Amino acid sequence: MTPSGGLAMNIVLSGVLQKYAQYQREHSLAAETVQEAIQLLVGRFPAMGNVLLDSAGHPRKVHRMFLNGHQISPEQVGQCVKQEDRLEILTAIAGG
C-alpha cells in the first residue's frame, strides 16, 4: 500500500503518448482501478487528457490498453488493480 491507500501500479506509455508525459515511458501511480490510474496520470500531465480521453472522460478508441499483457476494453477500466500490476497504453497506428 502507498501512503494514499491505493496500490502502486505501473503505467507504460507508447511513444506517441510519451510526448505528453515529459517523454517518460513508465509511471508508478497509487490507484485501486484502471480508471483511477488513468485519471491520476491525466492529473499529473493535463495536456495528455485531450489525447487520451474523449469528452466524457473515457479512453479514446484509438488507444489499446493491456493489463498484465491482456487487452482490456474501455468498458473494463473499472477493473481493480493489484500492487505491481502493469498497464500498457498503446496508440493504434492507421494509414494507407
PDB file of N, CA and C in Angstrom:
ATOM      1  N   MET A   1       0.843  -1.183   0.000  1.00  0.00           N
ATOM      2  CA  MET A   1       0.000   0.000   0.000  1.00  0.00           C
ATOM      3  C   MET A   1       0.884   1.241   0.000  1.00  0.00           C
ATOM      4  N   THR A   2       0.390   2.255  -0.645  1.00  0.00           N
ATOM      5  CA  THR A   2       1.079   3.532  -0.666  1.00  0.00           C
ATOM      6  C   THR A   2       0.478   4.432   0.398  1.00  0.00           C
ATOM      7  N   PRO A   3       1.117   5.563   0.691  1.00  0.00           N
ATOM      8  CA  PRO A   3       0.570   6.451   1.715  1.00  0.00           C
ATOM      9  C   PRO A   3      -0.859   6.894   1.440  1.00  0.00           C
ATOM     10  N   SER A   4      -1.256   6.990   0.167  1.00  0.00           N
ATOM     11  CA  SER A   4      -2.616   7.430  -0.145  1.00  0.00           C
ATOM     12  C   SER A   4      -3.629   6.313   0.035  1.00  0.00           C
ATOM     13  N   GLY A   5      -3.159   5.091   0.272  1.00  0.00           N
ATOM     14  CA  GLY A   5      -4.069   3.986   0.499  1.00  0.00           C
ATOM     15  C   GLY A   5      -4.278   3.111  -0.716  1.00  0.00           C
ATOM     16  N   GLY A   6      -3.913   3.594  -1.899  1.00  0.00           N
ATOM     17  CA  GLY A   6      -4.063   2.807  -3.111  1.00  0.00           C
ATOM     18  C   GLY A   6      -2.862   1.897  -3.301  1.00  0.00           C
ATOM     19  N   LEU A   7      -2.935   1.073  -4.309  1.00  0.00           N
ATOM     20  CA  LEU A   7      -1.849   0.161  -4.613  1.00  0.00           C
ATOM     21  C   LEU A   7      -0.988   0.752  -5.713  1.00  0.00           C
ATOM     22  N   ALA A   8       0.321   0.592  -5.609  1.00  0.00           N
ATOM     23  CA  ALA A   8       1.227   1.118  -6.625  1.00  0.00           C
ATOM     24  C   ALA A   8       1.197   0.207  -7.839  1.00  0.00           C
ATOM     25  N   MET A   9       0.839   0.778  -8.959  1.00  0.00           N
ATOM     26  CA  MET A   9       0.864   0.043 -10.221  1.00  0.00           C
ATOM     27  C   MET A   9       1.734   0.816 -11.195  1.00  0.00           C
ATOM     28  N   ASN A  10       2.124   0.167 -12.263  1.00  0.00           N
ATOM     29  CA  ASN A  10       2.974   0.798 -13.264  1.00  0.00           C
ATOM     30  C   ASN A  10       2.187   1.012 -14.543  1.00  0.00           C
ATOM     31  N   ILE A  11       2.336   2.196 -15.123  1.00  0.00           N
ATOM     32  CA  ILE A  11       1.731   2.503 -16.412  1.00  0.00           C
ATOM     33  C   ILE A  11       2.866   2.725 -17.394  1.00  0.00           C
ATOM     34  N   VAL A  12       2.774   2.060 -18.542  1.00  0.00           N
ATOM     35  CA  VAL A  12       3.773   2.185 -19.593  1.00  0.00           C
ATOM     36  C   VAL A  12       3.086   2.820 -20.795  1.00  0.00           C
ATOM     37  N   LEU A  13       3.662   3.908 -21.299  1.00  0.00           N
ATOM     38  CA  LEU A  13       3.065   4.645 -22.407  1.00  0.00           C
ATOM     39  C   LEU A  13       3.794   4.370 -23.713  1.00  0.00           C
ATOM     40  N   SER A  14       3.031   4.341 -24.809  1.00  0.00           N
ATOM     41  CA  SER A  14       3.630   4.216 -26.131  1.00  0.00           C
ATOM     42  C   SER A  14       4.343   5.516 -26.476  1.00  0.00           C
ATOM     43  N   GLY A  15       5.160   5.471 -27.507  1.00  0.00           N
ATOM     44  CA  GLY A  15       5.949   6.631 -27.907  1.00  0.00           C
ATOM     45  C   GLY A  15       5.146   7.894 -28.117  1.00  0.00           C
ATOM     46  N   VAL A  16       4.002   7.797 -28.768  1.00  0.00           N
ATOM     47  CA  VAL A  16       3.181   8.974 -29.043  1.00  0.00           C
ATOM     48  C   VAL A  16       2.717   9.619 -27.744  1.00  0.00           C
ATOM     49  N   LEU A  17       2.277   8.830 -26.793  1.00  0.00           N
ATOM     50  CA  LEU A  17       1.775   9.370 -25.527  1.00  0.00           C
ATOM     51  C   LEU A  17       2.892   9.905 -24.634  1.00  0.00           C
ATOM     52  N   GLN A  18       4.096   9.402 -24.819  1.00  0.00           N
ATOM     53  CA  GLN A  18       5.217   9.872 -24.008  1.00  0.00           C
ATOM     54  C   GLN A  18       5.453  11.366 -24.187  1.00  0.00           C
ATOM     55  N   LYS A  19       5.126  11.863 -25.362  1.00  0.00           N
ATOM     56  CA  LYS A  19       5.279  13.294 -25.656  1.00  0.00           C
ATOM     57  C   LYS A  19       4.537  14.146 -24.624  1.00  0.00           C
ATOM     58  N   TYR A  20       3.402  13.661 -24.162  1.00  0.00           N
ATOM     59  CA  TYR A  20       2.568  14.408 -23.224  1.00  0.00           C
ATOM     60  C   TYR A  20       2.929  14.132 -21.764  1.00  0.00           C
ATOM     61  N   ALA A  21       3.908  13.277 -21.547  1.00  0.00           N
ATOM     62  CA  ALA A  21       4.325  12.912 -20.188  1.00  0.00           C
ATOM     63  C   ALA A  21       5.816  13.180 -20.002  1.00  0.00           C
ATOM     64  N   GLN A  22       6.269  14.288 -20.566  1.00  0.00           N
ATOM     65  CA  GLN A  22       7.672  14.693 -20.467  1.00  0.00           C
ATOM     66  C   GLN A  22       8.611  13.591 -20.958  1.00  0.00           C
ATOM     67  N   TYR A  23       8.159  12.849 -21.955  1.00  0.00           N
ATOM     68  CA  TYR A  23       8.926  11.780 -22.592  1.00  0.00           C
ATOM     69  C   TYR A  23       9.352  10.686 -21.619  1.00  0.00           C
ATOM     70  N   GLN A  24       8.573  10.496 -20.577  1.00  0.00           N
ATOM     71  CA  GLN A  24       8.816   9.402 -19.641  1.00  0.00           C
ATOM     72  C   GLN A  24       7.951   8.217 -20.064  1.00  0.00           C
ATOM     73  N   ARG A  25       8.561   7.072 -20.184  1.00  0.00           N
ATOM     74  CA  ARG A  25       7.842   5.877 -20.640  1.00  0.00           C
ATOM     75  C   ARG A  25       7.048   5.217 -19.520  1.00  0.00           C
ATOM     76  N   GLU A  26       7.621   5.115 -18.326  1.00  0.00           N
ATOM     77  CA  GLU A  26       6.967   4.399 -17.225  1.00  0.00           C
ATOM     78  C   GLU A  26       6.628   5.334 -16.075  1.00  0.00           C
ATOM     79  N   HIS A  27       5.481   5.059 -15.473  1.00  0.00           N
ATOM     80  CA  HIS A  27       4.983   5.865 -14.361  1.00  0.00           C
ATOM     81  C   HIS A  27       4.412   4.933 -13.300  1.00  0.00           C
ATOM     82  N   SER A  28       4.727   5.200 -12.052  1.00  0.00           N
ATOM     83  CA  SER A  28       4.182   4.431 -10.939  1.00  0.00           C
ATOM     84  C   SER A  28       3.138   5.292 -10.250  1.00  0.00           C
ATOM     85  N   LEU A  29       1.922   4.754 -10.137  1.00  0.00           N
ATOM     86  CA  LEU A  29       0.818   5.502  -9.550  1.00  0.00           C
ATOM     87  C   LEU A  29       0.087   4.647  -8.526  1.00  0.00           C
ATOM     88  N   ALA A  30      -0.428   5.297  -7.508  1.00  0.00           N
ATOM     89  CA  ALA A  30      -1.221   4.611  -6.491  1.00  0.00           C
ATOM     90  C   ALA A  30      -2.681   4.692  -6.893  1.00  0.00           C
ATOM     91  N   ALA A  31      -3.247   3.570  -7.296  1.00  0.00           N
ATOM     92  CA  ALA A  31      -4.638   3.542  -7.745  1.00  0.00           C
ATOM     93  C   ALA A  31      -5.264   2.208  -7.377  1.00  0.00           C
ATOM     94  N   GLU A  32      -6.578   2.215  -7.288  1.00  0.00           N
ATOM     95  CA  GLU A  32      -7.304   0.979  -6.991  1.00  0.00           C
ATOM     96  C   GLU A  32      -7.958   0.383  -8.222  1.00  0.00           C
ATOM     97  N   THR A  33      -8.157   1.206  -9.274  1.00  0.00           N
ATOM     98  CA  THR A  33      -8.742   0.714 -10.523  1.00  0.00           C
ATOM     99  C   THR A  33      -7.946   1.274 -11.694  1.00  0.00           C
ATOM    100  N   VAL A  34      -8.149   0.684 -12.863  1.00  0.00           N
ATOM    101  CA  VAL A  34      -7.522   1.192 -14.079  1.00  0.00           C
ATOM    102  C   VAL A  34      -7.972   2.625 -14.323  1.00  0.00           C
ATOM    103  N   GLN A  35      -9.266   2.891 -14.178  1.00  0.00           N
ATOM    104  CA  GLN A  35      -9.800   4.234 -14.410  1.00  0.00           C
ATOM    105  C   GLN A  35      -9.140   5.258 -13.488  1.00  0.00           C
ATOM    106  N   GLU A  36      -8.988   4.916 -12.234  1.00  0.00           N
ATOM    107  CA  GLU A  36      -8.352   5.840 -11.294  1.00  0.00           C
ATOM    108  C   GLU A  36      -6.907   6.116 -11.707  1.00  0.00           C
ATOM    109  N   ALA A  37      -6.210   5.095 -12.154  1.00  0.00           N
ATOM    110  CA  ALA A  37      -4.826   5.271 -12.597  1.00  0.00           C
ATOM    111  C   ALA A  37      -4.761   6.217 -13.792  1.00  0.00           C
ATOM    112  N   ILE A  38      -5.687   6.052 -14.729  1.00  0.00           N
ATOM    113  CA  ILE A  38      -5.722   6.928 -15.898  1.00  0.00           C
ATOM    114  C   ILE A  38      -6.011   8.365 -15.474  1.00  0.00           C
ATOM    115  N   GLN A  39      -6.965   8.548 -14.571  1.00  0.00           N
ATOM    116  CA  GLN A  39      -7.296   9.894 -14.097  1.00  0.00           C
ATOM    117  C   GLN A  39      -6.107  10.537 -13.372  1.00  0.00           C
ATOM    118  N   LEU A  40      -5.400   9.770 -12.579  1.00  0.00           N
ATOM    119  CA  LEU A  40      -4.218  10.294 -11.893  1.00  0.00           C
ATOM    120  C   LEU A  40      -3.128  10.682 -12.888  1.00  0.00           C
ATOM    121  N   LEU A  41      -2.963   9.867 -13.924  1.00  0.00           N
ATOM    122  CA  LEU A  41      -1.970  10.161 -14.954  1.00  0.00           C
ATOM    123  C   LEU A  41      -2.311  11.471 -15.660  1.00  0.00           C
ATOM    124  N   VAL A  42      -3.578  11.635 -16.020  1.00  0.00           N
ATOM    125  CA  VAL A  42      -4.024  12.868 -16.680  1.00  0.00           C
ATOM    126  C   VAL A  42      -3.916  14.055 -15.718  1.00  0.00           C
ATOM    127  N   GLY A  43      -4.169  13.824 -14.443  1.00  0.00           N
ATOM    128  CA  GLY A  43      -3.996  14.888 -13.461  1.00  0.00           C
ATOM    129  C   GLY A  43      -2.551  15.345 -13.359  1.00  0.00           C
ATOM    130  N   ARG A  44      -1.645  14.404 -13.497  1.00  0.00           N
ATOM    131  CA  ARG A  44      -0.216  14.717 -13.440  1.00  0.00           C
ATOM    132  C   ARG A  44       0.249  15.404 -14.721  1.00  0.00           C
ATOM    133  N   PHE A  45      -0.352  15.003 -15.854  1.00  0.00           N
ATOM    134  CA  PHE A  45       0.018  15.543 -17.164  1.00  0.00           C
ATOM    135  C   PHE A  45      -1.251  15.992 -17.897  1.00  0.00           C
ATOM    136  N   PRO A  46      -1.789  17.156 -17.553  1.00  0.00           N
ATOM    137  CA  PRO A  46      -3.080  17.599 -18.099  1.00  0.00           C
ATOM    138  C   PRO A  46      -3.151  17.645 -19.627  1.00  0.00           C
ATOM    139  N   ALA A  47      -2.055  17.948 -20.302  1.00  0.00           N
ATOM    140  CA  ALA A  47      -2.077  18.015 -21.766  1.00  0.00           C
ATOM    141  C   ALA A  47      -2.411  16.664 -22.390  1.00  0.00           C
ATOM    142  N   MET A  48      -2.194  15.596 -21.652  1.00  0.00           N
ATOM    143  CA  MET A  48      -2.496  14.260 -22.156  1.00  0.00           C
ATOM    144  C   MET A  48      -4.003  14.000 -22.201  1.00  0.00           C
ATOM    145  N   GLY A  49      -4.766  14.725 -21.405  1.00  0.00           N
ATOM    146  CA  GLY A  49      -6.200  14.477 -21.287  1.00  0.00           C
ATOM    147  C   GLY A  49      -6.943  14.479 -22.601  1.00  0.00           C
ATOM    148  N   ASN A  50      -6.733  15.495 -23.441  1.00  0.00           N
ATOM    149  CA  ASN A  50      -7.455  15.580 -24.712  1.00  0.00           C
ATOM    150  C   ASN A  50      -7.034  14.507 -25.701  1.00  0.00           C
ATOM    151  N   VAL A  51      -5.840  13.989 -25.540  1.00  0.00           N
ATOM    152  CA  VAL A  51      -5.340  12.955 -26.442  1.00  0.00           C
ATOM    153  C   VAL A  51      -5.807  11.574 -25.997  1.00  0.00           C
ATOM    154  N   LEU A  52      -5.777  11.334 -24.714  1.00  0.00           N
ATOM    155  CA  LEU A  52      -6.086  10.010 -24.170  1.00  0.00           C
ATOM    156  C   LEU A  52      -7.579   9.781 -23.948  1.00  0.00           C
ATOM    157  N   LEU A  53      -8.305  10.846 -23.566  1.00  0.00           N
ATOM    158  CA  LEU A  53      -9.712  10.701 -23.176  1.00  0.00           C
ATOM    159  C   LEU A  53     -10.645  11.458 -24.111  1.00  0.00           C
ATOM    160  N   ASP A  54     -11.865  10.928 -24.257  1.00  0.00           N
ATOM    161  CA  ASP A  54     -12.880  11.642 -25.030  1.00  0.00           C
ATOM    162  C   ASP A  54     -13.562  12.678 -24.135  1.00  0.00           C
ATOM    163  N   SER A  55     -14.561  13.376 -24.678  1.00  0.00           N
ATOM    164  CA  SER A  55     -15.212  14.454 -23.923  1.00  0.00           C
ATOM    165  C   SER A  55     -15.950  13.950 -22.685  1.00  0.00           C
ATOM    166  N   ALA A  56     -16.275  12.658 -22.647  1.00  0.00           N
ATOM    167  CA  ALA A  56     -16.950  12.072 -21.485  1.00  0.00           C
ATOM    168  C   ALA A  56     -15.957  11.528 -20.455  1.00  0.00           C
ATOM    169  N   GLY A  57     -14.659  11.643 -20.750  1.00  0.00           N
ATOM    170  CA  GLY A  57     -13.648  11.161 -19.815  1.00  0.00           C
ATOM    171  C   GLY A  57     -13.296   9.695 -19.963  1.00  0.00           C
ATOM    172  N   HIS A  58     -13.751   9.064 -21.054  1.00  0.00           N
ATOM    173  CA  HIS A  58     -13.447   7.656 -21.316  1.00  0.00           C
ATOM    174  C   HIS A  58     -12.253   7.559 -22.265  1.00  0.00           C
ATOM    175  N   PRO A  59     -11.464   6.497 -22.153  1.00  0.00           N
ATOM    176  CA  PRO A  59     -10.338   6.341 -23.077  1.00  0.00           C
ATOM    177  C   PRO A  59     -10.820   6.324 -24.529  1.00  0.00           C
ATOM    178  N   ARG A  60     -10.117   7.062 -25.373  1.00  0.00           N
ATOM    179  CA  ARG A  60     -10.465   7.085 -26.803  1.00  0.00           C
ATOM    180  C   ARG A  60     -10.228   5.707 -27.410  1.00  0.00           C
ATOM    181  N   LYS A  61     -11.013   5.398 -28.429  1.00  0.00           N
ATOM    182  CA  LYS A  61     -10.939   4.074 -29.053  1.00  0.00           C
ATOM    183  C   LYS A  61      -9.648   3.853 -29.838  1.00  0.00           C
ATOM    184  N   VAL A  62      -8.887   4.908 -30.110  1.00  0.00           N
ATOM    185  CA  VAL A  62      -7.625   4.745 -30.836  1.00  0.00           C
ATOM    186  C   VAL A  62      -6.519   4.169 -29.951  1.00  0.00           C
ATOM    187  N   HIS A  63      -6.781   4.078 -28.664  1.00  0.00           N
ATOM    188  CA  HIS A  63      -5.783   3.537 -27.740  1.00  0.00           C
ATOM    189  C   HIS A  63      -6.143   2.103 -27.366  1.00  0.00           C
ATOM    190  N   ARG A  64      -5.123   1.290 -27.228  1.00  0.00           N
ATOM    191  CA  ARG A  64      -5.294  -0.085 -26.772  1.00  0.00           C
ATOM    192  C   ARG A  64      -4.639  -0.191 -25.404  1.00  0.00           C
ATOM    193  N   MET A  65      -5.342  -0.831 -24.481  1.00  0.00           N
ATOM    194  CA  MET A  65      -4.823  -0.984 -23.126  1.00  0.00           C
ATOM    195  C   MET A  65      -4.623  -2.459 -22.818  1.00  0.00           C
ATOM    196  N   PHE A  66      -3.501  -2.748 -22.197  1.00  0.00           N
ATOM    197  CA  PHE A  66      -3.163  -4.112 -21.815  1.00  0.00           C
ATOM    198  C   PHE A  66      -2.816  -4.122 -20.336  1.00  0.00           C
ATOM    199  N   LEU A  67      -3.562  -4.894 -19.569  1.00  0.00           N
ATOM    200  CA  LEU A  67      -3.296  -5.042 -18.143  1.00  0.00           C
ATOM    201  C   LEU A  67      -2.606  -6.380 -17.948  1.00  0.00           C
ATOM    202  N   ASN A  68      -1.365  -6.329 -17.537  1.00  0.00           N
ATOM    203  CA  ASN A  68      -0.548  -7.541 -17.359  1.00  0.00           C
ATOM    204  C   ASN A  68      -0.537  -8.406 -18.614  1.00  0.00           C
ATOM    205  N   GLY A  69      -0.460  -7.746 -19.775  1.00  0.00           N
ATOM    206  CA  GLY A  69      -0.360  -8.452 -21.044  1.00  0.00           C
ATOM    207  C   GLY A  69      -1.669  -8.854 -21.681  1.00  0.00           C
ATOM    208  N   HIS A  70      -2.792  -8.614 -21.019  1.00  0.00           N
ATOM    209  CA  HIS A  70      -4.103  -8.977 -21.553  1.00  0.00           C
ATOM    210  C   HIS A  70      -4.861  -7.714 -21.940  1.00  0.00           C
ATOM    211  N   GLN A  71      -5.334  -7.684 -23.191  1.00  0.00           N
ATOM    212  CA  GLN A  71      -6.038  -6.495 -23.653  1.00  0.00           C
ATOM    213  C   GLN A  71      -7.343  -6.305 -22.888  1.00  0.00           C
ATOM    214  N   ILE A  72      -7.601  -5.064 -22.495  1.00  0.00           N
ATOM    215  CA  ILE A  72      -8.869  -4.736 -21.850  1.00  0.00           C
ATOM    216  C   ILE A  72      -9.574  -3.682 -22.696  1.00  0.00           C
ATOM    217  N   SER A  73     -10.882  -3.709 -22.664  1.00  0.00           N
ATOM    218  CA  SER A  73     -11.685  -2.757 -23.429  1.00  0.00           C
ATOM    219  C   SER A  73     -11.925  -1.509 -22.590  1.00  0.00           C
ATOM    220  N   PRO A  74     -12.347  -0.417 -23.228  1.00  0.00           N
ATOM    221  CA  PRO A  74     -12.673   0.792 -22.459  1.00  0.00           C
ATOM    222  C   PRO A  74     -13.741   0.534 -21.393  1.00  0.00           C
ATOM    223  N   GLU A  75     -14.599  -0.439 -21.633  1.00  0.00           N
ATOM    224  CA  GLU A  75     -15.652  -0.765 -20.664  1.00  0.00           C
ATOM    225  C   GLU A  75     -15.103  -1.461 -19.420  1.00  0.00           C
ATOM    226  N   GLN A  76     -13.869  -1.932 -19.477  1.00  0.00           N
ATOM    227  CA  GLN A  76     -13.275  -2.667 -18.359  1.00  0.00           C
ATOM    228  C   GLN A  76     -12.358  -1.809 -17.487  1.00  0.00           C
ATOM    229  N   VAL A  77     -12.394  -0.483 -17.666  1.00  0.00           N
ATOM    230  CA  VAL A  77     -11.481   0.368 -16.902  1.00  0.00           C
ATOM    231  C   VAL A  77     -11.831   0.446 -15.421  1.00  0.00           C
ATOM    232  N   GLY A  78     -12.994  -0.027 -15.039  1.00  0.00           N
ATOM    233  CA  GLY A  78     -13.363  -0.073 -13.626  1.00  0.00           C
ATOM    234  C   GLY A  78     -12.727  -1.241 -12.901  1.00  0.00           C
ATOM    235  N   GLN A  79     -11.998  -2.061 -13.639  1.00  0.00           N
ATOM    236  CA  GLN A  79     -11.357  -3.253 -13.090  1.00  0.00           C
ATOM    237  C   GLN A  79     -10.350  -2.873 -12.005  1.00  0.00           C
ATOM    238  N   CYS A  80     -10.376  -3.615 -10.913  1.00  0.00           N
ATOM    239  CA  CYS A  80      -9.436  -3.380  -9.813  1.00  0.00           C
ATOM    240  C   CYS A  80      -8.033  -3.804 -10.219  1.00  0.00           C
ATOM    241  N   VAL A  81      -7.058  -3.124  -9.639  1.00  0.00           N
ATOM    242  CA  VAL A  81      -5.663  -3.471  -9.893  1.00  0.00           C
ATOM    243  C   VAL A  81      -5.007  -3.895  -8.589  1.00  0.00           C
ATOM    244  N   LYS A  82      -3.935  -4.652  -8.751  1.00  0.00           N
ATOM    245  CA  LYS A  82      -3.163  -5.114  -7.605  1.00  0.00           C
ATOM    246  C   LYS A  82      -1.789  -4.446  -7.640  1.00  0.00           C
ATOM    247  N   GLN A  83      -1.124  -4.496  -6.513  1.00  0.00           N
ATOM    248  CA  GLN A  83       0.221  -3.945  -6.450  1.00  0.00           C
ATOM    249  C   GLN A  83       1.086  -4.601  -7.515  1.00  0.00           C
ATOM    250  N   GLU A  84       1.883  -3.794  -8.183  1.00  0.00           N
ATOM    251  CA  GLU A  84       2.803  -4.231  -9.232  1.00  0.00           C
ATOM    252  C   GLU A  84       2.114  -4.592 -10.544  1.00  0.00           C
ATOM    253  N   ASP A  85       0.803  -4.374 -10.685  1.00  0.00           N
ATOM    254  CA  ASP A  85       0.165  -4.580 -11.983  1.00  0.00           C
ATOM    255  C   ASP A  85       0.786  -3.620 -12.987  1.00  0.00           C
ATOM    256  N   ARG A  86       0.726  -4.014 -14.247  1.00  0.00           N
ATOM    257  CA  ARG A  86       1.334  -3.224 -15.322  1.00  0.00           C
ATOM    258  C   ARG A  86       0.271  -2.929 -16.372  1.00  0.00           C
ATOM    259  N   LEU A  87       0.014  -1.649 -16.595  1.00  0.00           N
ATOM    260  CA  LEU A  87      -0.934  -1.210 -17.611  1.00  0.00           C
ATOM    261  C   LEU A  87      -0.150  -0.562 -18.737  1.00  0.00           C
ATOM    262  N   GLU A  88      -0.261  -1.140 -19.923  1.00  0.00           N
ATOM    263  CA  GLU A  88       0.376  -0.558 -21.096  1.00  0.00           C
ATOM    264  C   GLU A  88      -0.700   0.128 -21.918  1.00  0.00           C
ATOM    265  N   ILE A  89      -0.433   1.364 -22.316  1.00  0.00           N
ATOM    266  CA  ILE A  89      -1.366   2.112 -23.150  1.00  0.00           C
ATOM    267  C   ILE A  89      -0.662   2.393 -24.468  1.00  0.00           C
ATOM    268  N   LEU A  90      -1.200   1.817 -25.527  1.00  0.00           N
ATOM    269  CA  LEU A  90      -0.627   1.953 -26.862  1.00  0.00           C
ATOM    270  C   LEU A  90      -1.595   2.712 -27.750  1.00  0.00           C
ATOM    271  N   THR A  91      -1.060   3.442 -28.706  1.00  0.00           N
ATOM    272  CA  THR A  91      -1.888   4.149 -29.668  1.00  0.00           C
ATOM    273  C   THR A  91      -1.858   3.379 -30.974  1.00  0.00           C
ATOM    274  N   ALA A  92      -3.047   3.052 -31.483  1.00  0.00           N
ATOM    275  CA  ALA A  92      -3.142   2.339 -32.754  1.00  0.00           C
ATOM    276  C   ALA A  92      -2.662   3.258 -33.873  1.00  0.00           C
ATOM    277  N   ILE A  93      -1.944   2.697 -34.806  1.00  0.00           N
ATOM    278  CA  ILE A  93      -1.445   3.466 -35.941  1.00  0.00           C
ATOM    279  C   ILE A  93      -2.224   3.035 -37.170  1.00  0.00           C
ATOM    280  N   ALA A  94      -2.737   4.011 -37.889  1.00  0.00           N
ATOM    281  CA  ALA A  94      -3.508   3.725 -39.099  1.00  0.00           C
ATOM    282  C   ALA A  94      -2.959   4.575 -40.231  1.00  0.00           C
ATOM    283  N   GLY A  95      -3.231   4.151 -41.402  1.00  0.00           N
ATOM    284  CA  GLY A  95      -2.783   4.919 -42.556  1.00  0.00           C
ATOM    285  C   GLY A  95      -2.859   4.078 -43.811  1.00  0.00           C
ATOM    286  N   GLY A  96      -2.523   4.680 -44.895  1.00  0.00           N
ATOM    287  CA  GLY A  96      -2.663   3.970 -46.158  1.00  0.00           C
ATOM    288  C   GLY A  96      -1.414   3.847 -46.923  1.00  0.00           C
TER     289      GLY A  96
END
